[in-house]
Amino acid sequence: MATTAVRMRASASSSRRTLGRGWVIATYATLVFFVLWTVVPFIWMFLASIKTNKEIYQDFTILPKVVYWGHYETLLFGETAGGGMRASARFSAWLRNSTIVALAVTTLSIVLGSFGAYAVTRLRFAGRGIMARGLIFTYLVPGSLLFIPLFQVVATLDLVDTLSALLLVYPSFTLPFCTWMLMSYFRSIPVELEEAALIDGCTRLGVLFRITMPLSAPAIAVVALFSFTQSWNEFLYALVFTNSVTTRTVTVGLTQMLGEDVFYWGQMMGGAIIAALPPVIMYSLAQRLVIRGLVGGAVKG
């Protein structure tokens, strides 16, 4: 009897170890799949950007025979047919426009999102709960349903084909998430800290900028990266609200890189690689803050 019980326990323990190894293998296999799913498109773009035009249009090689940096040189310093502008001038203008819009929208999202989140979490007023729930419902509305009424607003204000139109429209999808994220984090900050500052003569704005926001640095990092990435990568609104070479952002401009009926695939892939660098660098530098902000906002909210 005792021997049988020992054997049964040993068998159960072996089964658990086997099951545990199976879950570990499945987890790593899933991670490898998603890593490849994410990385392979970037590898493909980079390989296409260092191929010659002959290898792209005629030979259809996967790996370049010789590393060719001519597409990057054309984007940054050279000329090409079509568009009436130097290729480097067009690409520089697109990068500049994307940078201006992304930085401005990020700043607006942080400032206005902080005001809204602090008001909802700390002040008492009628309709506060409805407003908080309305924020997340607003964020869930797809942009494909909003660009027509937003275009009417932009046209009424005579802002079509200007960067001001994008500065007006982009907060419509960055602010709801940013406000909701900051609300979750502001709730985790002890109210006693703010009450002590108010007793010492600090104003509400002073409390927000001197106490609440510094303590919410991880959440603000998440908000900043989200706003910057969404504004930098946005395509639909930029395509609808801008139509000239000088006002396009880099996401729209890359699709317009053609001469007559020929797409400059090498330059397009090189431009896509360059355009992908700012968000990647920002996420790499602020990775720990992002993880702290996301986990803190999820748990403490």
C-alpha atoms as a PDB file:
ATOM      1  CA  MET A   1       0.000   0.000   0.000  1.00  0.00           C
ATOM      2  CA  ALA A   2       2.743   2.426   0.990  1.00  0.00           C
ATOM      3  CA  THR A   3       4.795   1.520  -2.089  1.00  0.00           C
ATOM      4  CA  THR A   4       1.784   2.089  -4.345  1.00  0.00           C
ATOM      5  CA  ALA A   5       1.099   5.488  -2.788  1.00  0.00           C
ATOM      6  CA  VAL A   6       4.737   6.516  -3.252  1.00  0.00           C
ATOM      7  CA  ARG A   7       4.606   5.448  -6.897  1.00  0.00           C
ATOM      8  CA  MET A   8       1.379   7.401  -7.447  1.00  0.00           C
ATOM      9  CA  ARG A   9       2.883  10.548  -5.901  1.00  0.00           C
ATOM     10  CA  ALA A  10       6.019  10.158  -7.998  1.00  0.00           C
ATOM     11  CA  SER A  11       3.902   9.715 -11.130  1.00  0.00           C
ATOM     12  CA  ALA A  12       1.830  12.801 -10.323  1.00  0.00           C
ATOM     13  CA  SER A  13       4.979  14.826  -9.655  1.00  0.00           C
ATOM     14  CA  SER A  14       6.468  13.666 -12.964  1.00  0.00           C
ATOM     15  CA  SER A  15       3.272  14.604 -14.793  1.00  0.00           C
ATOM     16  CA  ARG A  16       3.345  18.079 -13.263  1.00  0.00           C
ATOM     17  CA  ARG A  17       6.975  18.549 -14.288  1.00  0.00           C
ATOM     18  CA  THR A  18       6.176  17.399 -17.822  1.00  0.00           C
ATOM     19  CA  LEU A  19       3.188  19.737 -17.986  1.00  0.00           C
ATOM     20  CA  GLY A  20       5.306  22.587 -16.659  1.00  0.00           C
ATOM     21  CA  ARG A  21       7.976  21.973 -19.308  1.00  0.00           C
ATOM     22  CA  GLY A  22       5.241  21.888 -21.943  1.00  0.00           C
ATOM     23  CA  TRP A  23       3.944  25.299 -20.877  1.00  0.00           C
ATOM     24  CA  VAL A  24       7.491  26.720 -20.892  1.00  0.00           C
ATOM     25  CA  ILE A  25       8.114  25.407 -24.408  1.00  0.00           C
ATOM     26  CA  ALA A  26       4.749  26.743 -25.619  1.00  0.00           C
ATOM     27  CA  THR A  27       5.471  30.142 -24.041  1.00  0.00           C
ATOM     28  CA  TYR A  28       8.872  30.447 -25.695  1.00  0.00           C
ATOM     29  CA  ALA A  29       7.494  29.242 -29.024  1.00  0.00           C
ATOM     30  CA  THR A  30       4.757  31.902 -28.854  1.00  0.00           C
ATOM     31  CA  LEU A  31       7.281  34.619 -27.949  1.00  0.00           C
ATOM     32  CA  VAL A  32       9.561  33.603 -30.833  1.00  0.00           C
ATOM     33  CA  PHE A  33       6.591  33.696 -33.223  1.00  0.00           C
ATOM     34  CA  PHE A  34       5.558  37.210 -32.191  1.00  0.00           C
ATOM     35  CA  VAL A  35       9.153  38.473 -32.243  1.00  0.00           C
ATOM     36  CA  LEU A  36       9.554  37.206 -35.803  1.00  0.00           C
ATOM     37  CA  TRP A  37       6.142  38.632 -36.689  1.00  0.00           C
ATOM     38  CA  THR A  38       7.362  42.051 -35.516  1.00  0.00           C
ATOM     39  CA  VAL A  39      10.956  41.994 -36.715  1.00  0.00           C
ATOM     40  CA  VAL A  40      10.675  40.355 -40.161  1.00  0.00           C
ATOM     41  CA  PRO A  41       8.909  43.351 -41.828  1.00  0.00           C
ATOM     42  CA  PHE A  42      11.666  45.678 -40.603  1.00  0.00           C
ATOM     43  CA  ILE A  43      14.345  43.283 -41.885  1.00  0.00           C
ATOM     44  CA  TRP A  44      12.558  43.095 -45.235  1.00  0.00           C
ATOM     45  CA  MET A  45      12.354  46.887 -45.473  1.00  0.00           C
ATOM     46  CA  PHE A  46      16.006  47.321 -44.565  1.00  0.00           C
ATOM     47  CA  LEU A  47      17.158  44.719 -47.100  1.00  0.00           C
ATOM     48  CA  ALA A  48      15.063  46.390 -49.813  1.00  0.00           C
ATOM     49  CA  SER A  49      16.540  49.773 -48.914  1.00  0.00           C
ATOM     50  CA  ILE A  50      20.132  48.594 -49.495  1.00  0.00           C
ATOM     51  CA  LYS A  51      19.470  46.845 -52.825  1.00  0.00           C
ATOM     52  CA  THR A  52      20.113  48.371 -56.218  1.00  0.00           C
ATOM     53  CA  ASN A  53      17.153  49.167 -58.470  1.00  0.00           C
ATOM     54  CA  LYS A  54      18.129  46.237 -60.696  1.00  0.00           C
ATOM     55  CA  GLU A  55      17.891  43.816 -57.785  1.00  0.00           C
ATOM     56  CA  ILE A  56      14.519  45.270 -56.763  1.00  0.00           C
ATOM     57  CA  TYR A  57      12.809  45.490 -60.165  1.00  0.00           C
ATOM     58  CA  GLN A  58      14.498  42.767 -62.230  1.00  0.00           C
ATOM     59  CA  ASP A  59      16.458  40.189 -60.246  1.00  0.00           C
ATOM     60  CA  PHE A  60      14.019  40.010 -57.288  1.00  0.00           C
ATOM     61  CA  THR A  61      16.779  38.919 -54.925  1.00  0.00           C
ATOM     62  CA  ILE A  62      16.072  38.433 -51.237  1.00  0.00           C
ATOM     63  CA  LEU A  63      19.558  39.377 -50.057  1.00  0.00           C
ATOM     64  CA  PRO A  64      21.490  42.184 -51.751  1.00  0.00           C
ATOM     65  CA  LYS A  65      24.602  41.111 -53.645  1.00  0.00           C
ATOM     66  CA  VAL A  66      26.317  44.367 -52.726  1.00  0.00           C
ATOM     67  CA  VAL A  67      25.263  46.796 -49.985  1.00  0.00           C
ATOM     68  CA  TYR A  68      23.973  49.899 -51.773  1.00  0.00           C
ATOM     69  CA  TRP A  69      23.434  53.112 -49.775  1.00  0.00           C
ATOM     70  CA  GLY A  70      22.341  55.178 -52.774  1.00  0.00           C
ATOM     71  CA  HIS A  71      18.676  55.296 -51.749  1.00  0.00           C
ATOM     72  CA  TYR A  72      19.556  56.868 -48.398  1.00  0.00           C
ATOM     73  CA  GLU A  73      21.894  59.338 -50.117  1.00  0.00           C
ATOM     74  CA  THR A  74      19.091  60.340 -52.495  1.00  0.00           C
ATOM     75  CA  LEU A  75      16.639  60.786 -49.618  1.00  0.00           C
ATOM     76  CA  LEU A  76      18.985  62.902 -47.545  1.00  0.00           C
ATOM     77  CA  PHE A  77      21.089  64.729 -50.138  1.00  0.00           C
ATOM     78  CA  GLY A  78      20.035  63.937 -53.690  1.00  0.00           C
ATOM     79  CA  GLU A  79      17.464  64.617 -56.368  1.00  0.00           C
ATOM     80  CA  THR A  80      14.894  62.532 -58.179  1.00  0.00           C
ATOM     81  CA  ALA A  81      12.275  62.997 -60.853  1.00  0.00           C
ATOM     82  CA  GLY A  82       8.692  63.906 -59.987  1.00  0.00           C
ATOM     83  CA  GLY A  83       7.184  66.343 -57.537  1.00  0.00           C
ATOM     84  CA  GLY A  84       9.137  69.390 -58.751  1.00  0.00           C
ATOM     85  CA  MET A  85      11.354  69.362 -55.618  1.00  0.00           C
ATOM     86  CA  ARG A  86      14.591  67.781 -54.638  1.00  0.00           C
ATOM     87  CA  ALA A  87      14.036  64.412 -52.991  1.00  0.00           C
ATOM     88  CA  SER A  88      16.037  65.546 -49.965  1.00  0.00           C
ATOM     89  CA  ALA A  89      13.974  68.755 -49.667  1.00  0.00           C
ATOM     90  CA  ARG A  90      10.697  66.836 -49.806  1.00  0.00           C
ATOM     91  CA  PHE A  91      11.766  64.194 -47.313  1.00  0.00           C
ATOM     92  CA  SER A  92      13.204  66.810 -44.935  1.00  0.00           C
ATOM     93  CA  ALA A  93       9.936  68.771 -45.106  1.00  0.00           C
ATOM     94  CA  TRP A  94       7.919  65.650 -44.322  1.00  0.00           C
ATOM     95  CA  LEU A  95      10.129  64.774 -41.365  1.00  0.00           C
ATOM     96  CA  ARG A  96       9.928  68.356 -40.102  1.00  0.00           C
ATOM     97  CA  ASN A  97       6.133  68.401 -40.374  1.00  0.00           C
ATOM     98  CA  SER A  98       5.806  65.082 -38.547  1.00  0.00           C
ATOM     99  CA  THR A  99       8.162  66.282 -35.820  1.00  0.00           C
ATOM    100  CA  ILE A 100       6.291  69.563 -35.318  1.00  0.00           C
ATOM    101  CA  VAL A 101       2.897  67.874 -35.196  1.00  0.00           C
ATOM    102  CA  ALA A 102       3.995  64.994 -32.961  1.00  0.00           C
ATOM    103  CA  LEU A 103       5.775  67.210 -30.423  1.00  0.00           C
ATOM    104  CA  ALA A 104       2.961  69.778 -30.320  1.00  0.00           C
ATOM    105  CA  VAL A 105       0.248  67.127 -29.921  1.00  0.00           C
ATOM    106  CA  THR A 106       2.295  65.365 -27.241  1.00  0.00           C
ATOM    107  CA  THR A 107       2.641  68.594 -25.286  1.00  0.00           C
ATOM    108  CA  LEU A 108      -1.067  69.352 -25.607  1.00  0.00           C
ATOM    109  CA  SER A 109      -1.999  65.828 -24.552  1.00  0.00           C
ATOM    110  CA  ILE A 110       0.178  65.966 -21.446  1.00  0.00           C
ATOM    111  CA  VAL A 111      -0.979  69.418 -20.343  1.00  0.00           C
ATOM    112  CA  LEU A 112      -4.685  69.111 -21.153  1.00  0.00           C
ATOM    113  CA  GLY A 113      -4.793  65.465 -20.090  1.00  0.00           C
ATOM    114  CA  SER A 114      -3.265  66.400 -16.729  1.00  0.00           C
ATOM    115  CA  PHE A 115      -5.825  69.166 -16.221  1.00  0.00           C
ATOM    116  CA  GLY A 116      -8.717  66.857 -17.102  1.00  0.00           C
ATOM    117  CA  ALA A 117      -7.458  63.915 -15.066  1.00  0.00           C
ATOM    118  CA  TYR A 118      -6.805  66.056 -11.998  1.00  0.00           C
ATOM    119  CA  ALA A 119     -10.228  67.680 -12.227  1.00  0.00           C
ATOM    120  CA  VAL A 120     -12.021  64.350 -12.468  1.00  0.00           C
ATOM    121  CA  THR A 121     -10.053  62.637  -9.702  1.00  0.00           C
ATOM    122  CA  ARG A 122      -9.743  65.486  -7.173  1.00  0.00           C
ATOM    123  CA  LEU A 123     -12.580  67.955  -7.725  1.00  0.00           C
ATOM    124  CA  ARG A 124     -16.266  67.399  -7.004  1.00  0.00           C
ATOM    125  CA  PHE A 125     -18.757  68.542  -9.645  1.00  0.00           C
ATOM    126  CA  ALA A 126     -21.944  67.308 -11.280  1.00  0.00           C
ATOM    127  CA  GLY A 127     -21.496  64.800 -14.108  1.00  0.00           C
ATOM    128  CA  ARG A 128     -17.977  63.809 -13.123  1.00  0.00           C
ATOM    129  CA  GLY A 129     -18.634  60.060 -13.478  1.00  0.00           C
ATOM    130  CA  ILE A 130     -20.389  60.457 -16.813  1.00  0.00           C
ATOM    131  CA  MET A 131     -17.493  62.533 -18.107  1.00  0.00           C
ATOM    132  CA  ALA A 132     -14.974  59.910 -17.002  1.00  0.00           C
ATOM    133  CA  ARG A 133     -16.845  57.104 -18.755  1.00  0.00           C
ATOM    134  CA  GLY A 134     -17.368  59.278 -21.804  1.00  0.00           C
ATOM    135  CA  LEU A 135     -13.617  59.600 -22.204  1.00  0.00           C
ATOM    136  CA  ILE A 136     -13.105  55.903 -22.814  1.00  0.00           C
ATOM    137  CA  PHE A 137     -16.169  55.698 -25.091  1.00  0.00           C
ATOM    138  CA  THR A 138     -14.768  58.575 -27.145  1.00  0.00           C
ATOM    139  CA  TYR A 139     -11.439  56.765 -27.497  1.00  0.00           C
ATOM    140  CA  LEU A 140     -13.195  53.652 -28.823  1.00  0.00           C
ATOM    141  CA  VAL A 141     -14.836  55.485 -31.749  1.00  0.00           C
ATOM    142  CA  PRO A 142     -12.841  54.627 -34.919  1.00  0.00           C
ATOM    143  CA  GLY A 143     -11.279  57.447 -36.874  1.00  0.00           C
ATOM    144  CA  SER A 144     -12.881  56.257 -40.102  1.00  0.00           C
ATOM    145  CA  LEU A 145     -16.233  57.433 -38.708  1.00  0.00           C
ATOM    146  CA  LEU A 146     -14.989  60.826 -37.601  1.00  0.00           C
ATOM    147  CA  PHE A 147     -12.875  62.147 -40.450  1.00  0.00           C
ATOM    148  CA  ILE A 148     -15.869  63.438 -42.462  1.00  0.00           C
ATOM    149  CA  PRO A 149     -17.393  65.610 -39.670  1.00  0.00           C
ATOM    150  CA  LEU A 150     -13.878  66.640 -38.624  1.00  0.00           C
ATOM    151  CA  PHE A 151     -13.135  67.662 -42.196  1.00  0.00           C
ATOM    152  CA  GLN A 152     -16.250  69.846 -42.166  1.00  0.00           C
ATOM    153  CA  VAL A 153     -15.006  71.544 -39.000  1.00  0.00           C
ATOM    154  CA  VAL A 154     -11.543  72.041 -40.478  1.00  0.00           C
ATOM    155  CA  ALA A 155     -12.980  73.390 -43.739  1.00  0.00           C
ATOM    156  CA  THR A 156     -15.246  75.801 -41.833  1.00  0.00           C
ATOM    157  CA  LEU A 157     -12.203  77.153 -39.997  1.00  0.00           C
ATOM    158  CA  ASP A 158     -10.307  77.421 -43.315  1.00  0.00           C
ATOM    159  CA  LEU A 159      -7.515  75.167 -42.065  1.00  0.00           C
ATOM    160  CA  VAL A 160      -7.463  72.594 -44.878  1.00  0.00           C
ATOM    161  CA  ASP A 161      -3.945  71.760 -46.085  1.00  0.00           C
ATOM    162  CA  THR A 162      -2.277  73.226 -43.008  1.00  0.00           C
ATOM    163  CA  LEU A 163      -0.464  71.702 -40.056  1.00  0.00           C
ATOM    164  CA  SER A 164      -2.908  73.555 -37.796  1.00  0.00           C
ATOM    165  CA  ALA A 165      -5.624  71.185 -38.995  1.00  0.00           C
ATOM    166  CA  LEU A 166      -3.637  68.204 -37.721  1.00  0.00           C
ATOM    167  CA  LEU A 167      -2.905  69.985 -34.434  1.00  0.00           C
ATOM    168  CA  LEU A 168      -6.640  70.503 -34.020  1.00  0.00           C
ATOM    169  CA  VAL A 169      -7.693  66.972 -34.962  1.00  0.00           C
ATOM    170  CA  TYR A 170      -5.034  64.692 -33.483  1.00  0.00           C
ATOM    171  CA  PRO A 171      -5.895  65.410 -29.814  1.00  0.00           C
ATOM    172  CA  SER A 172      -9.316  63.905 -30.546  1.00  0.00           C
ATOM    173  CA  PHE A 173      -7.737  60.434 -30.331  1.00  0.00           C
ATOM    174  CA  THR A 174      -4.776  61.116 -28.006  1.00  0.00           C
ATOM    175  CA  LEU A 175      -6.492  63.103 -25.239  1.00  0.00           C
ATOM    176  CA  PRO A 176      -9.091  60.488 -24.158  1.00  0.00           C
ATOM    177  CA  PHE A 177      -6.477  57.788 -23.576  1.00  0.00           C
ATOM    178  CA  CYS A 178      -4.022  60.192 -21.958  1.00  0.00           C
ATOM    179  CA  THR A 179      -6.647  61.566 -19.580  1.00  0.00           C
ATOM    180  CA  TRP A 180      -7.861  58.085 -18.640  1.00  0.00           C
ATOM    181  CA  MET A 181      -4.297  56.867 -18.045  1.00  0.00           C
ATOM    182  CA  LEU A 182      -3.429  59.843 -15.856  1.00  0.00           C
ATOM    183  CA  MET A 183      -6.689  59.478 -13.936  1.00  0.00           C
ATOM    184  CA  SER A 184      -5.729  55.931 -12.973  1.00  0.00           C
ATOM    185  CA  TYR A 185      -2.321  57.070 -11.742  1.00  0.00           C
ATOM    186  CA  PHE A 186      -3.473  60.240  -9.977  1.00  0.00           C
ATOM    187  CA  ARG A 187      -5.816  58.145  -7.841  1.00  0.00           C
ATOM    188  CA  SER A 188      -2.777  56.293  -6.429  1.00  0.00           C
ATOM    189  CA  ILE A 189      -1.212  59.485  -5.061  1.00  0.00           C
ATOM    190  CA  PRO A 190      -2.150  60.135  -1.411  1.00  0.00           C
ATOM    191  CA  VAL A 191      -4.529  63.043  -1.055  1.00  0.00           C
ATOM    192  CA  GLU A 192      -2.797  64.007   2.195  1.00  0.00           C
ATOM    193  CA  LEU A 193       0.233  65.260   0.253  1.00  0.00           C
ATOM    194  CA  GLU A 194      -1.926  67.679  -1.697  1.00  0.00           C
ATOM    195  CA  GLU A 195      -3.881  68.779   1.360  1.00  0.00           C
ATOM    196  CA  ALA A 196      -0.636  69.579   3.167  1.00  0.00           C
ATOM    197  CA  ALA A 197       0.524  71.676   0.196  1.00  0.00           C
ATOM    198  CA  LEU A 198      -2.813  73.508   0.074  1.00  0.00           C
ATOM    199  CA  ILE A 199      -2.567  74.275   3.791  1.00  0.00           C
ATOM    200  CA  ASP A 200       0.920  75.714   3.209  1.00  0.00           C
ATOM    201  CA  GLY A 201      -0.554  78.131   0.662  1.00  0.00           C
ATOM    202  CA  CYS A 202      -0.032  76.262  -2.602  1.00  0.00           C
ATOM    203  CA  THR A 203      -2.692  76.689  -5.261  1.00  0.00           C
ATOM    204  CA  ARG A 204      -4.408  73.871  -7.111  1.00  0.00           C
ATOM    205  CA  LEU A 205      -2.211  74.472 -10.165  1.00  0.00           C
ATOM    206  CA  GLY A 206       0.837  74.497  -7.927  1.00  0.00           C
ATOM    207  CA  VAL A 207      -0.195  71.167  -6.425  1.00  0.00           C
ATOM    208  CA  LEU A 208      -0.668  69.705  -9.876  1.00  0.00           C
ATOM    209  CA  PHE A 209       2.671  70.862 -11.298  1.00  0.00           C
ATOM    210  CA  ARG A 210       4.825  70.544  -8.164  1.00  0.00           C
ATOM    211  CA  ILE A 211       3.466  67.388  -6.530  1.00  0.00           C
ATOM    212  CA  THR A 212       1.053  65.353  -8.634  1.00  0.00           C
ATOM    213  CA  MET A 213       2.836  65.429 -11.993  1.00  0.00           C
ATOM    214  CA  PRO A 214       6.368  64.795 -10.636  1.00  0.00           C
ATOM    215  CA  LEU A 215       5.072  61.782  -8.721  1.00  0.00           C
ATOM    216  CA  SER A 216       3.336  60.561 -11.898  1.00  0.00           C
ATOM    217  CA  ALA A 217       6.464  60.536 -14.069  1.00  0.00           C
ATOM    218  CA  PRO A 218       5.971  56.894 -15.244  1.00  0.00           C
ATOM    219  CA  ALA A 219       2.400  57.590 -16.325  1.00  0.00           C
ATOM    220  CA  ILE A 220       3.428  60.815 -18.053  1.00  0.00           C
ATOM    221  CA  ALA A 221       6.130  58.873 -19.914  1.00  0.00           C
ATOM    222  CA  VAL A 222       3.482  56.446 -21.162  1.00  0.00           C
ATOM    223  CA  VAL A 223       1.221  59.324 -22.166  1.00  0.00           C
ATOM    224  CA  ALA A 224       4.040  61.108 -23.985  1.00  0.00           C
ATOM    225  CA  LEU A 225       5.156  58.009 -25.882  1.00  0.00           C
ATOM    226  CA  PHE A 226       1.594  57.077 -26.807  1.00  0.00           C
ATOM    227  CA  SER A 227       0.777  60.568 -28.058  1.00  0.00           C
ATOM    228  CA  PHE A 228       4.037  60.915 -29.969  1.00  0.00           C
ATOM    229  CA  THR A 229       3.759  57.496 -31.600  1.00  0.00           C
ATOM    230  CA  GLN A 230       0.110  57.896 -32.553  1.00  0.00           C
ATOM    231  CA  SER A 231       0.699  61.362 -34.004  1.00  0.00           C
ATOM    232  CA  TRP A 232       3.877  60.316 -35.802  1.00  0.00           C
ATOM    233  CA  ASN A 233       2.338  57.206 -37.383  1.00  0.00           C
ATOM    234  CA  GLU A 234      -1.148  58.566 -38.145  1.00  0.00           C
ATOM    235  CA  PHE A 235      -2.089  58.274 -41.819  1.00  0.00           C
ATOM    236  CA  LEU A 236      -5.824  58.743 -42.471  1.00  0.00           C
ATOM    237  CA  TYR A 237      -6.293  62.271 -41.116  1.00  0.00           C
ATOM    238  CA  ALA A 238      -2.976  63.435 -42.590  1.00  0.00           C
ATOM    239  CA  LEU A 239      -4.054  62.104 -45.987  1.00  0.00           C
ATOM    240  CA  VAL A 240      -7.479  63.771 -45.840  1.00  0.00           C
ATOM    241  CA  PHE A 241      -6.529  67.156 -44.356  1.00  0.00           C
ATOM    242  CA  THR A 242      -3.273  67.836 -46.262  1.00  0.00           C
ATOM    243  CA  ASN A 243      -2.706  67.625 -50.007  1.00  0.00           C
ATOM    244  CA  SER A 244       0.413  69.632 -50.877  1.00  0.00           C
ATOM    245  CA  VAL A 245       4.000  68.419 -50.807  1.00  0.00           C
ATOM    246  CA  THR A 246       5.054  70.995 -48.200  1.00  0.00           C
ATOM    247  CA  THR A 247       2.347  70.114 -45.649  1.00  0.00           C
ATOM    248  CA  ARG A 248       2.392  66.324 -45.824  1.00  0.00           C
ATOM    249  CA  THR A 249       3.696  64.267 -42.952  1.00  0.00           C
ATOM    250  CA  VAL A 250       6.223  61.519 -43.519  1.00  0.00           C
ATOM    251  CA  THR A 251       3.635  58.706 -43.425  1.00  0.00           C
ATOM    252  CA  VAL A 252       1.671  60.240 -46.302  1.00  0.00           C
ATOM    253  CA  GLY A 253       4.727  61.518 -48.127  1.00  0.00           C
ATOM    254  CA  LEU A 254       6.284  58.075 -48.417  1.00  0.00           C
ATOM    255  CA  THR A 255       3.258  56.839 -50.360  1.00  0.00           C
ATOM    256  CA  GLN A 256       3.666  59.696 -52.837  1.00  0.00           C
ATOM    257  CA  MET A 257       7.228  58.841 -53.810  1.00  0.00           C
ATOM    258  CA  LEU A 258       6.723  58.035 -57.451  1.00  0.00           C
ATOM    259  CA  GLY A 259       7.764  59.353 -60.821  1.00  0.00           C
ATOM    260  CA  GLU A 260       5.111  59.017 -63.518  1.00  0.00           C
ATOM    261  CA  ASP A 261       3.925  55.430 -62.879  1.00  0.00           C
ATOM    262  CA  VAL A 262       7.050  54.073 -61.130  1.00  0.00           C
ATOM    263  CA  PHE A 263       7.304  53.726 -57.369  1.00  0.00           C
ATOM    264  CA  TYR A 264      10.750  54.314 -55.891  1.00  0.00           C
ATOM    265  CA  TRP A 265      10.638  51.258 -53.668  1.00  0.00           C
ATOM    266  CA  GLY A 266      14.231  51.568 -52.481  1.00  0.00           C
ATOM    267  CA  GLN A 267      13.695  55.148 -51.333  1.00  0.00           C
ATOM    268  CA  MET A 268      10.325  54.300 -49.820  1.00  0.00           C
ATOM    269  CA  MET A 269      11.812  51.474 -47.752  1.00  0.00           C
ATOM    270  CA  GLY A 270      14.755  53.660 -46.698  1.00  0.00           C
ATOM    271  CA  GLY A 271      12.378  56.450 -45.721  1.00  0.00           C
ATOM    272  CA  ALA A 272      10.252  54.004 -43.747  1.00  0.00           C
ATOM    273  CA  ILE A 273      13.313  52.822 -41.833  1.00  0.00           C
ATOM    274  CA  ILE A 274      14.323  56.410 -41.015  1.00  0.00           C
ATOM    275  CA  ALA A 275      10.752  57.305 -40.028  1.00  0.00           C
ATOM    276  CA  ALA A 276      10.556  54.296 -37.698  1.00  0.00           C
ATOM    277  CA  LEU A 277      13.682  55.290 -35.764  1.00  0.00           C
ATOM    278  CA  PRO A 278      12.291  58.100 -33.508  1.00  0.00           C
ATOM    279  CA  PRO A 279       9.555  55.998 -31.828  1.00  0.00           C
ATOM    280  CA  VAL A 280      11.900  53.016 -31.494  1.00  0.00           C
ATOM    281  CA  ILE A 281      14.618  55.140 -29.890  1.00  0.00           C
ATOM    282  CA  MET A 282      12.136  56.785 -27.524  1.00  0.00           C
ATOM    283  CA  TYR A 283      10.682  53.447 -26.412  1.00  0.00           C
ATOM    284  CA  SER A 284      14.179  52.005 -25.923  1.00  0.00           C
ATOM    285  CA  LEU A 285      15.288  54.919 -23.740  1.00  0.00           C
ATOM    286  CA  ALA A 286      12.085  55.080 -21.662  1.00  0.00           C
ATOM    287  CA  GLN A 287      11.333  51.353 -21.494  1.00  0.00           C
ATOM    288  CA  ARG A 288      11.441  51.059 -17.705  1.00  0.00           C
ATOM    289  CA  LEU A 289       9.278  54.129 -17.175  1.00  0.00           C
ATOM    290  CA  VAL A 290       6.747  52.796 -19.678  1.00  0.00           C
ATOM    291  CA  ILE A 291       6.494  49.438 -17.910  1.00  0.00           C
ATOM    292  CA  ARG A 292       6.153  51.120 -14.516  1.00  0.00           C
ATOM    293  CA  GLY A 293       3.496  53.487 -15.848  1.00  0.00           C
ATOM    294  CA  LEU A 294       1.433  50.787 -17.545  1.00  0.00           C
ATOM    295  CA  VAL A 295       1.570  48.381 -14.580  1.00  0.00           C
ATOM    296  CA  GLY A 296       1.004  51.151 -12.046  1.00  0.00           C
ATOM    297  CA  GLY A 297      -1.941  52.551 -13.975  1.00  0.00           C
ATOM    298  CA  ALA A 298      -3.499  49.127 -14.423  1.00  0.00           C
ATOM    299  CA  VAL A 299      -3.095  47.990 -10.798  1.00  0.00           C
ATOM    300  CA  LYS A 300      -3.688  51.240  -8.953  1.00  0.00           C
ATOM    301  CA  GLY A 301      -6.534  52.390 -11.153  1.00  0.00           C
END
